[in-house]
C-alpha atoms as a PDB file:
ATOM      1  CA  MET A   1      54.381 152.408  66.987  1.00  0.00           C
ATOM      2  CA  ARG A   2      55.169 151.274  63.480  1.00  0.00           C
ATOM      3  CA  TRP A   3      56.121 147.924  62.140  1.00  0.00           C
ATOM      4  CA  PRO A   4      59.800 147.020  62.856  1.00  0.00           C
ATOM      5  CA  ALA A   5      61.859 145.799  59.961  1.00  0.00           C
ATOM      6  CA  ARG A   6      61.920 142.186  58.960  1.00  0.00           C
ATOM      7  CA  GLY A   7      63.702 139.927  61.400  1.00  0.00           C
ATOM      8  CA  VAL A   8      67.461 138.969  61.381  1.00  0.00           C
ATOM      9  CA  GLY A   9      68.079 135.866  59.381  1.00  0.00           C
ATOM     10  CA  HIS A  10      64.292 135.165  58.582  1.00  0.00           C
ATOM     11  CA  SER A  11      63.815 132.500  56.036  1.00  0.00           C
ATOM     12  CA  GLU A  12      60.285 132.157  54.322  1.00  0.00           C
ATOM     13  CA  ARG A  13      60.870 128.374  54.472  1.00  0.00           C
ATOM     14  CA  SER A  14      60.587 128.295  58.158  1.00  0.00           C
ATOM     15  CA  GLY A  15      56.997 127.723  58.019  1.00  0.00           C
ATOM     16  CA  GLU A  16      56.090 130.775  60.148  1.00  0.00           C
ATOM     17  CA  CYS A  17      54.565 134.096  59.202  1.00  0.00           C
ATOM     18  CA  PRO A  18      56.677 136.917  60.677  1.00  0.00           C
ATOM     19  CA  THR A  19      54.940 139.788  59.058  1.00  0.00           C
ATOM     20  CA  PRO A  20      51.230 140.406  60.261  1.00  0.00           C
ATOM     21  CA  ARG A  21      48.523 141.461  57.761  1.00  0.00           C
ATOM     22  CA  GLY A  22      44.973 142.691  58.263  1.00  0.00           C
ATOM     23  CA  PRO A  23      43.528 144.973  60.797  1.00  0.00           C
ATOM     24  CA  PHE A  24      47.007 145.659  62.288  1.00  0.00           C
ATOM     25  CA  GLY A  25      48.479 147.211  59.142  1.00  0.00           C
ATOM     26  CA  PRO A  26      51.268 149.730  59.245  1.00  0.00           C
ATOM     27  CA  GLY A  27      50.519 152.739  61.229  1.00  0.00           C
ATOM     28  CA  PRO A  28      50.499 153.797  64.919  1.00  0.00           C
ATOM     29  CA  LEU A  29      49.266 151.424  67.543  1.00  0.00           C
ATOM     30  CA  PRO A  30      48.302 151.999  71.191  1.00  0.00           C
ATOM     31  CA  PRO A  31      51.053 150.955  73.595  1.00  0.00           C
ATOM     32  CA  ILE A  32      48.646 148.879  75.715  1.00  0.00           C
ATOM     33  CA  ASN A  33      49.320 145.432  76.995  1.00  0.00           C
ATOM     34  CA  ARG A  34      46.411 143.424  78.195  1.00  0.00           C
ATOM     35  CA  LEU A  35      47.978 141.017  80.496  1.00  0.00           C
ATOM     36  CA  ALA A  36      44.777 139.180  81.148  1.00  0.00           C
ATOM     37  CA  LEU A  37      44.826 137.958  77.414  1.00  0.00           C
ATOM     38  CA  SER A  38      48.275 136.432  78.143  1.00  0.00           C
ATOM     39  CA  GLY A  39      46.544 133.713  80.152  1.00  0.00           C
ATOM     40  CA  SER A  40      45.460 133.460  83.771  1.00  0.00           C
ATOM     41  CA  GLY A  41      46.636 129.921  84.502  1.00  0.00           C
ATOM     42  CA  ASN A  42      49.681 129.055  86.677  1.00  0.00           C
ATOM     43  CA  ALA A  43      51.809 128.285  83.496  1.00  0.00           C
ATOM     44  CA  GLN A  44      51.502 132.061  82.499  1.00  0.00           C
ATOM     45  CA  ARG A  45      52.002 133.719  85.773  1.00  0.00           C
ATOM     46  CA  GLN A  46      54.784 136.391  85.969  1.00  0.00           C
ATOM     47  CA  SER A  47      58.178 135.312  87.248  1.00  0.00           C
ATOM     48  CA  SER A  48      61.581 136.829  87.487  1.00  0.00           C
ATOM     49  CA  ALA A  49      62.974 134.449  84.713  1.00  0.00           C
ATOM     50  CA  CYS A  50      61.842 131.510  82.722  1.00  0.00           C
ATOM     51  CA  ARG A  51      62.722 128.129  84.128  1.00  0.00           C
ATOM     52  CA  HIS A  52      64.208 125.216  82.248  1.00  0.00           C
ATOM     53  CA  PRO A  53      62.248 124.640  79.036  1.00  0.00           C
ATOM     54  CA  LEU A  54      59.866 121.787  78.709  1.00  0.00           C
ATOM     55  CA  VAL A  55      59.906 119.782  75.339  1.00  0.00           C
ATOM     56  CA  LEU A  56      57.924 116.507  75.006  1.00  0.00           C
ATOM     57  CA  SER A  57      59.459 113.707  73.056  1.00  0.00           C
ATOM     58  CA  VAL A  58      59.166 114.653  69.457  1.00  0.00           C
ATOM     59  CA  SER A  59      57.874 111.627  67.282  1.00  0.00           C
ATOM     60  CA  ALA A  60      57.957 113.205  63.727  1.00  0.00           C
ATOM     61  CA  LYS A  61      60.639 114.662  61.384  1.00  0.00           C
ATOM     62  CA  ARG A  62      59.967 118.298  62.304  1.00  0.00           C
ATOM     63  CA  MET A  63      62.373 121.153  62.071  1.00  0.00           C
ATOM     64  CA  VAL A  64      59.929 123.306  64.386  1.00  0.00           C
ATOM     65  CA  ILE A  65      59.785 122.103  67.900  1.00  0.00           C
ATOM     66  CA  VAL A  66      56.986 123.608  70.187  1.00  0.00           C
ATOM     67  CA  THR A  67      58.653 124.372  73.493  1.00  0.00           C
ATOM     68  CA  GLU A  68      57.177 125.407  76.958  1.00  0.00           C
ATOM     69  CA  PHE A  69      59.467 128.040  78.478  1.00  0.00           C
ATOM     70  CA  GLN A  70      57.241 128.029  81.524  1.00  0.00           C
ATOM     71  CA  CYS A  71      56.983 131.868  81.689  1.00  0.00           C
ATOM     72  CA  SER A  72      54.739 134.587  80.411  1.00  0.00           C
ATOM     73  CA  LEU A  73      55.138 136.225  76.948  1.00  0.00           C
ATOM     74  CA  GLN A  74      56.440 139.382  78.623  1.00  0.00           C
ATOM     75  CA  VAL A  75      59.069 137.540  80.577  1.00  0.00           C
ATOM     76  CA  TYR A  76      60.068 135.573  77.474  1.00  0.00           C
ATOM     77  CA  ILE A  77      60.641 138.908  75.409  1.00  0.00           C
ATOM     78  CA  ALA A  78      62.472 140.673  78.415  1.00  0.00           C
ATOM     79  CA  SER A  79      64.649 137.726  79.330  1.00  0.00           C
ATOM     80  CA  PHE A  80      65.508 136.360  75.855  1.00  0.00           C
ATOM     81  CA  VAL A  81      69.231 136.762  76.084  1.00  0.00           C
ATOM     82  CA  THR A  82      69.303 134.705  79.278  1.00  0.00           C
ATOM     83  CA  LEU A  83      66.964 132.033  78.432  1.00  0.00           C
ATOM     84  CA  VAL A  84      67.991 128.342  78.577  1.00  0.00           C
ATOM     85  CA  PHE A  85      67.200 126.824  75.051  1.00  0.00           C
ATOM     86  CA  TYR A  86      66.407 123.250  74.526  1.00  0.00           C
ATOM     87  CA  ARG A  87      68.988 121.717  71.989  1.00  0.00           C
ATOM     88  CA  PRO A  88      68.003 118.379  70.410  1.00  0.00           C
ATOM     89  CA  THR A  89      70.594 115.666  70.827  1.00  0.00           C
ATOM     90  CA  THR A  90      69.411 113.951  67.405  1.00  0.00           C
ATOM     91  CA  CYS A  91      68.408 115.878  64.275  1.00  0.00           C
ATOM     92  CA  PRO A  92      64.784 115.126  63.547  1.00  0.00           C
ATOM     93  CA  GLU A  93      65.654 115.225  59.744  1.00  0.00           C
ATOM     94  CA  CYS A  94      68.864 113.262  59.328  1.00  0.00           C
ATOM     95  CA  GLY A  95      69.331 111.516  62.650  1.00  0.00           C
ATOM     96  CA  ALA A  96      72.710 112.994  63.291  1.00  0.00           C
ATOM     97  CA  LEU A  97      73.934 112.962  66.871  1.00  0.00           C
ATOM     98  CA  GLN A  98      75.170 116.196  68.681  1.00  0.00           C
ATOM     99  CA  SER A  99      75.047 117.923  65.292  1.00  0.00           C
ATOM    100  CA  PHE A 100      73.427 121.207  66.171  1.00  0.00           C
ATOM    101  CA  ILE A 101      75.239 124.537  66.480  1.00  0.00           C
ATOM    102  CA  GLY A 102      73.656 128.083  67.361  1.00  0.00           C
ATOM    103  CA  HIS A 103      72.100 129.753  64.320  1.00  0.00           C
ATOM    104  CA  GLY A 104      70.886 132.957  65.947  1.00  0.00           C
ATOM    105  CA  PHE A 105      67.184 133.772  65.771  1.00  0.00           C
ATOM    106  CA  TYR A 106      64.466 135.088  63.631  1.00  0.00           C
ATOM    107  CA  VAL A 107      61.816 137.775  64.357  1.00  0.00           C
ATOM    108  CA  ARG A 108      58.006 136.870  64.496  1.00  0.00           C
ATOM    109  CA  PHE A 109      55.325 139.320  65.582  1.00  0.00           C
ATOM    110  CA  ALA A 110      52.412 138.414  67.732  1.00  0.00           C
ATOM    111  CA  LEU A 111      49.225 140.017  68.508  1.00  0.00           C
ATOM    112  CA  ASP A 112      46.563 140.300  71.059  1.00  0.00           C
ATOM    113  CA  ALA A 113      43.458 142.472  70.738  1.00  0.00           C
ATOM    114  CA  ASP A 114      45.306 145.908  71.264  1.00  0.00           C
ATOM    115  CA  HIS A 115      49.064 145.148  71.046  1.00  0.00           C
ATOM    116  CA  VAL A 116      51.760 143.983  68.669  1.00  0.00           C
ATOM    117  CA  PHE A 117      54.630 141.920  70.348  1.00  0.00           C
ATOM    118  CA  GLU A 118      58.001 141.528  68.559  1.00  0.00           C
ATOM    119  CA  LEU A 119      59.697 138.200  69.512  1.00  0.00           C
ATOM    120  CA  ARG A 120      62.833 136.503  68.738  1.00  0.00           C
ATOM    121  CA  LEU A 121      62.706 132.640  68.121  1.00  0.00           C
ATOM    122  CA  LYS A 122      65.715 130.557  68.591  1.00  0.00           C
ATOM    123  CA  ARG A 123      67.280 128.553  65.649  1.00  0.00           C
ATOM    124  CA  TRP A 124      69.728 125.672  65.563  1.00  0.00           C
ATOM    125  CA  TYR A 125      71.691 124.559  62.550  1.00  0.00           C
ATOM    126  CA  CYS A 126      72.578 120.925  61.845  1.00  0.00           C
ATOM    127  CA  LYS A 127      76.064 120.471  60.498  1.00  0.00           C
ATOM    128  CA  SER A 128      75.014 117.216  59.028  1.00  0.00           C
ATOM    129  CA  CYS A 129      72.062 117.985  56.716  1.00  0.00           C
ATOM    130  CA  GLN A 130      72.597 121.647  56.922  1.00  0.00           C
ATOM    131  CA  ARG A 131      68.947 122.107  57.857  1.00  0.00           C
ATOM    132  CA  THR A 132      67.647 124.810  60.368  1.00  0.00           C
ATOM    133  CA  LEU A 133      65.395 123.924  63.436  1.00  0.00           C
ATOM    134  CA  SER A 134      63.541 126.529  65.381  1.00  0.00           C
ATOM    135  CA  LEU A 135      61.898 126.622  68.780  1.00  0.00           C
ATOM    136  CA  LEU A 136      58.300 127.879  68.704  1.00  0.00           C
ATOM    137  CA  PRO A 137      57.078 129.048  72.262  1.00  0.00           C
ATOM    138  CA  SER A 138      53.974 127.222  73.174  1.00  0.00           C
ATOM    139  CA  PHE A 139      51.981 130.341  73.474  1.00  0.00           C
ATOM    140  CA  LEU A 140      52.197 130.751  69.817  1.00  0.00           C
ATOM    141  CA  LEU A 141      50.567 128.684  67.003  1.00  0.00           C
ATOM    142  CA  ARG A 142      51.984 127.985  63.556  1.00  0.00           C
ATOM    143  CA  TYR A 143      50.373 130.203  60.671  1.00  0.00           C
ATOM    144  CA  ARG A 144      48.525 132.198  63.138  1.00  0.00           C
ATOM    145  CA  HIS A 145      49.384 135.765  64.191  1.00  0.00           C
ATOM    146  CA  TYR A 146      47.328 136.025  67.219  1.00  0.00           C
ATOM    147  CA  LEU A 147      48.434 134.681  70.734  1.00  0.00           C
ATOM    148  CA  LEU A 148      46.945 131.268  71.431  1.00  0.00           C
ATOM    149  CA  ALA A 149      45.405 132.704  74.563  1.00  0.00           C
ATOM    150  CA  VAL A 150      43.330 134.999  72.357  1.00  0.00           C
ATOM    151  CA  ILE A 151      42.232 132.412  69.993  1.00  0.00           C
ATOM    152  CA  GLN A 152      41.404 129.964  72.926  1.00  0.00           C
ATOM    153  CA  ALA A 153      39.085 132.671  74.393  1.00  0.00           C
ATOM    154  CA  VAL A 154      37.132 132.847  71.211  1.00  0.00           C
ATOM    155  CA  ILE A 155      36.974 129.024  70.643  1.00  0.00           C
ATOM    156  CA  ILE A 156      35.887 128.178  74.221  1.00  0.00           C
ATOM    157  CA  ALA A 157      33.215 131.014  74.198  1.00  0.00           C
ATOM    158  CA  ARG A 158      31.930 129.893  70.700  1.00  0.00           C
ATOM    159  CA  VAL A 159      32.275 126.048  71.055  1.00  0.00           C
ATOM    160  CA  GLU A 160      32.004 125.265  74.799  1.00  0.00           C
ATOM    161  CA  GLU A 161      29.481 127.775  76.254  1.00  0.00           C
ATOM    162  CA  PRO A 162      28.220 128.407  73.330  1.00  0.00           C
ATOM    163  CA  ALA A 163      28.030 132.226  73.223  1.00  0.00           C
ATOM    164  CA  SER A 164      26.591 134.226  70.245  1.00  0.00           C
ATOM    165  CA  TRP A 165      29.105 136.106  68.045  1.00  0.00           C
ATOM    166  CA  ALA A 166      27.543 139.371  69.488  1.00  0.00           C
ATOM    167  CA  VAL A 167      28.543 138.285  72.946  1.00  0.00           C
ATOM    168  CA  ILE A 168      32.010 137.141  71.766  1.00  0.00           C
ATOM    169  CA  ARG A 169      32.749 140.504  69.939  1.00  0.00           C
ATOM    170  CA  ALA A 170      31.767 142.389  72.992  1.00  0.00           C
ATOM    171  CA  ARG A 171      33.958 140.350  75.186  1.00  0.00           C
ATOM    172  CA  VAL A 172      37.083 139.973  73.044  1.00  0.00           C
ATOM    173  CA  MET A 173      37.121 142.733  70.425  1.00  0.00           C
ATOM    174  CA  ILE A 174      38.948 146.150  70.959  1.00  0.00           C
ATOM    175  CA  GLY A 175      38.646 148.704  68.294  1.00  0.00           C
ATOM    176  CA  GLY A 176      37.410 146.275  65.691  1.00  0.00           C
ATOM    177  CA  VAL A 177      40.044 143.516  66.327  1.00  0.00           C
ATOM    178  CA  PRO A 178      40.342 140.635  66.195  1.00  0.00           C
ATOM    179  CA  SER A 179      38.052 140.856  63.082  1.00  0.00           C
ATOM    180  CA  PRO A 180      34.841 138.834  63.087  1.00  0.00           C
ATOM    181  CA  ARG A 181      36.218 137.015  60.034  1.00  0.00           C
ATOM    182  CA  SER A 182      39.378 135.879  61.944  1.00  0.00           C
ATOM    183  CA  MET A 183      37.449 134.761  64.927  1.00  0.00           C
ATOM    184  CA  LYS A 184      35.012 132.672  62.719  1.00  0.00           C
ATOM    185  CA  ARG A 185      38.033 131.156  60.897  1.00  0.00           C
ATOM    186  CA  TRP A 186      39.584 129.989  64.031  1.00  0.00           C
ATOM    187  CA  CYS A 187      36.565 128.215  65.119  1.00  0.00           C
ATOM    188  CA  VAL A 188      36.086 126.534  61.609  1.00  0.00           C
ATOM    189  CA  SER A 189      39.798 125.480  61.708  1.00  0.00           C
ATOM    190  CA  PHE A 190      39.572 124.104  65.082  1.00  0.00           C
ATOM    191  CA  ALA A 191      36.473 122.112  64.136  1.00  0.00           C
ATOM    192  CA  ALA A 192      38.077 120.751  61.005  1.00  0.00           C
ATOM    193  CA  GLN A 193      41.157 119.500  63.044  1.00  0.00           C
ATOM    194  CA  ALA A 194      39.421 118.226  66.048  1.00  0.00           C
ATOM    195  CA  ALA A 195      38.836 114.581  65.114  1.00  0.00           C
ATOM    196  CA  PRO A 196      42.561 113.373  64.812  1.00  0.00           C
ATOM    197  CA  TRP A 197      43.370 115.215  68.055  1.00  0.00           C
ATOM    198  CA  LEU A 198      40.449 113.767  69.879  1.00  0.00           C
ATOM    199  CA  ALA A 199      41.386 110.309  68.602  1.00  0.00           C
ATOM    200  CA  GLU A 200      44.955 110.714  69.817  1.00  0.00           C
ATOM    201  CA  ILE A 201      43.691 111.644  73.195  1.00  0.00           C
ATOM    202  CA  GLU A 202      41.588 108.738  73.346  1.00  0.00           C
ATOM    203  CA  ARG A 203      44.436 106.421  72.486  1.00  0.00           C
ATOM    204  CA  THR A 204      46.479 107.913  75.337  1.00  0.00           C
ATOM    205  CA  LEU A 205      43.713 107.461  77.891  1.00  0.00           C
ATOM    206  CA  ALA A 206      42.858 103.968  76.668  1.00  0.00           C
ATOM    207  CA  ALA A 207      46.454 102.892  77.344  1.00  0.00           C
ATOM    208  CA  HIS A 208      47.056 104.683  80.552  1.00  0.00           C
ATOM    209  CA  ASP A 209      43.477 105.537  82.048  1.00  0.00           C
ATOM    210  CA  PRO A 210      40.965 103.082  80.573  1.00  0.00           C
ATOM    211  CA  SER A 211      38.333 103.947  83.055  1.00  0.00           C
ATOM    212  CA  SER A 212      38.034 107.383  81.494  1.00  0.00           C
ATOM    213  CA  SER A 213      34.391 108.406  80.632  1.00  0.00           C
ATOM    214  CA  LEU A 214      35.722 109.780  77.339  1.00  0.00           C
ATOM    215  CA  LEU A 215      36.397 106.316  75.956  1.00  0.00           C
ATOM    216  CA  THR A 216      33.266 105.855  73.871  1.00  0.00           C
ATOM    217  CA  PRO A 217      32.961 104.426  70.307  1.00  0.00           C
ATOM    218  CA  LEU A 218      34.327 107.059  67.851  1.00  0.00           C
ATOM    219  CA  GLY A 219      34.719 109.357  70.767  1.00  0.00           C
ATOM    220  CA  LEU A 220      31.129 110.295  70.548  1.00  0.00           C
ATOM    221  CA  PRO A 221      28.614 110.040  73.584  1.00  0.00           C
ATOM    222  CA  ALA A 222      25.081 108.924  72.999  1.00  0.00           C
ATOM    223  CA  GLY A 223      23.174 111.382  71.029  1.00  0.00           C
ATOM    224  CA  GLU A 224      26.224 113.336  69.682  1.00  0.00           C
ATOM    225  CA  GLY A 225      26.537 113.768  66.116  1.00  0.00           C
ATOM    226  CA  THR A 226      29.596 114.171  63.839  1.00  0.00           C
ATOM    227  CA  HIS A 227      28.420 117.533  62.524  1.00  0.00           C
ATOM    228  CA  GLY A 228      28.314 120.956  64.028  1.00  0.00           C
ATOM    229  CA  TRP A 229      30.315 121.544  67.245  1.00  0.00           C
ATOM    230  CA  GLY A 230      29.949 117.921  68.589  1.00  0.00           C
ATOM    231  CA  VAL A 231      33.416 116.739  67.981  1.00  0.00           C
ATOM    232  CA  PRO A 232      35.291 120.017  68.811  1.00  0.00           C
ATOM    233  CA  ARG A 233      33.217 120.377  71.967  1.00  0.00           C
ATOM    234  CA  LEU A 234      34.122 116.935  72.933  1.00  0.00           C
ATOM    235  CA  LEU A 235      37.809 117.743  72.200  1.00  0.00           C
ATOM    236  CA  LEU A 236      37.660 120.719  74.642  1.00  0.00           C
ATOM    237  CA  ALA A 237      36.202 118.357  77.329  1.00  0.00           C
ATOM    238  CA  ALA A 238      38.998 115.848  76.493  1.00  0.00           C
ATOM    239  CA  SER A 239      41.702 118.480  76.802  1.00  0.00           C
ATOM    240  CA  ARG A 240      40.657 118.836  80.564  1.00  0.00           C
ATOM    241  CA  HIS A 241      41.042 115.058  80.990  1.00  0.00           C
ATOM    242  CA  LEU A 242      44.372 114.907  79.307  1.00  0.00           C
ATOM    243  CA  LEU A 243      45.794 117.719  81.439  1.00  0.00           C
ATOM    244  CA  ALA A 244      44.441 116.038  84.609  1.00  0.00           C
ATOM    245  CA  TRP A 245      46.179 112.780  83.466  1.00  0.00           C
ATOM    246  CA  ALA A 246      49.354 114.590  82.583  1.00  0.00           C
ATOM    247  CA  GLN A 247      49.524 116.383  85.941  1.00  0.00           C
ATOM    248  CA  VAL A 248      49.656 112.833  87.525  1.00  0.00           C
ATOM    249  CA  HIS A 249      52.338 111.676  85.395  1.00  0.00           C
ATOM    250  CA  LEU A 250      54.329 114.586  84.375  1.00  0.00           C
ATOM    251  CA  ALA A 251      55.564 116.883  87.139  1.00  0.00           C
ATOM    252  CA  GLN A 252      55.989 119.792  84.776  1.00  0.00           C
ATOM    253  CA  ALA A 253      52.323 119.656  83.745  1.00  0.00           C
ATOM    254  CA  ARG A 254      51.296 120.499  87.276  1.00  0.00           C
ATOM    255  CA  ALA A 255      52.069 124.083  86.587  1.00  0.00           C
ATOM    256  CA  TYR A 256      49.311 124.445  84.095  1.00  0.00           C
ATOM    257  CA  GLY A 257      45.963 125.677  85.138  1.00  0.00           C
ATOM    258  CA  SER A 258      42.606 125.158  83.404  1.00  0.00           C
ATOM    259  CA  ASN A 259      43.062 128.169  81.295  1.00  0.00           C
ATOM    260  CA  ASP A 260      46.246 126.733  79.865  1.00  0.00           C
ATOM    261  CA  ARG A 261      44.627 123.437  78.593  1.00  0.00           C
ATOM    262  CA  LEU A 262      44.921 124.267  74.789  1.00  0.00           C
ATOM    263  CA  ARG A 263      48.459 125.374  75.367  1.00  0.00           C
ATOM    264  CA  PHE A 264      49.244 122.083  76.792  1.00  0.00           C
ATOM    265  CA  LEU A 265      47.208 120.282  74.258  1.00  0.00           C
ATOM    266  CA  TRP A 266      49.213 122.175  71.566  1.00  0.00           C
ATOM    267  CA  LEU A 267      52.573 121.166  73.143  1.00  0.00           C
ATOM    268  CA  TRP A 268      51.590 117.496  73.603  1.00  0.00           C
ATOM    269  CA  GLY A 269      49.843 116.809  70.334  1.00  0.00           C
ATOM    270  CA  TYR A 270      52.562 118.477  68.127  1.00  0.00           C
ATOM    271  CA  ALA A 271      55.058 116.334  69.922  1.00  0.00           C
ATOM    272  CA  ARG A 272      53.067 113.268  68.864  1.00  0.00           C
ATOM    273  CA  GLY A 273      53.081 114.112  65.284  1.00  0.00           C
ATOM    274  CA  LEU A 274      49.768 115.762  64.907  1.00  0.00           C
ATOM    275  CA  ALA A 275      49.262 118.559  62.421  1.00  0.00           C
ATOM    276  CA  ARG A 276      48.025 122.152  63.187  1.00  0.00           C
ATOM    277  CA  LEU A 277      45.404 122.463  66.016  1.00  0.00           C
ATOM    278  CA  ILE A 278      43.787 125.714  64.747  1.00  0.00           C
END
């Protein structure tokens, strides 16, 4: 397999990175698909077709909307032409009503440890402000080539267990990828972003679940410092509480399993105006 040509209608201003670089440079690749790395939670189970997409209320002016298609990566790719796509009623940029029309798609590549996936991402065009809006599947992150499930496996192993890099390399890497440098960069980035995400979870739980054990000053339990893995480890714990709370109040969240918690966190936090998660 060799890299396909650049996608139809791609714009570098879209904020995505459609052309992977690094260890998966041009050249033949093994046609292997590790289904396990696509996630083992309920939200990732194979189905014959994607259900109605889930989009949480978007509170920021963003022309990329993280969307839960409630199906696996493989089903998303195979069923793209029959998917039901969320169409915003109001343009996040200019506020115009019912102004979006179809604008095709652009191609993006996603990686797991031993396969490159070619995906099409839906785009809408606002007739009022002439801006383009795209729908980013929740199993992808902005500015990251690897699938969220792969990145989550590394972060949970390193931050939550915590496992040594030798153990993580043996568990995740195949043929030298993901590279150790990439895995370390994911963990550093997650730690750097953890504080505002944790604070937003605390505000939500304080308003809806004030008895939560997570509600401590600054989000830090006794003896937990603000350096090292303290805050990101607490964020991983908080993601469990957030998902449990959401499953009580949001019917669509009941499809998520424990292994989908960062996927749900990404969907929820991005809709609330938070920046990148990893």
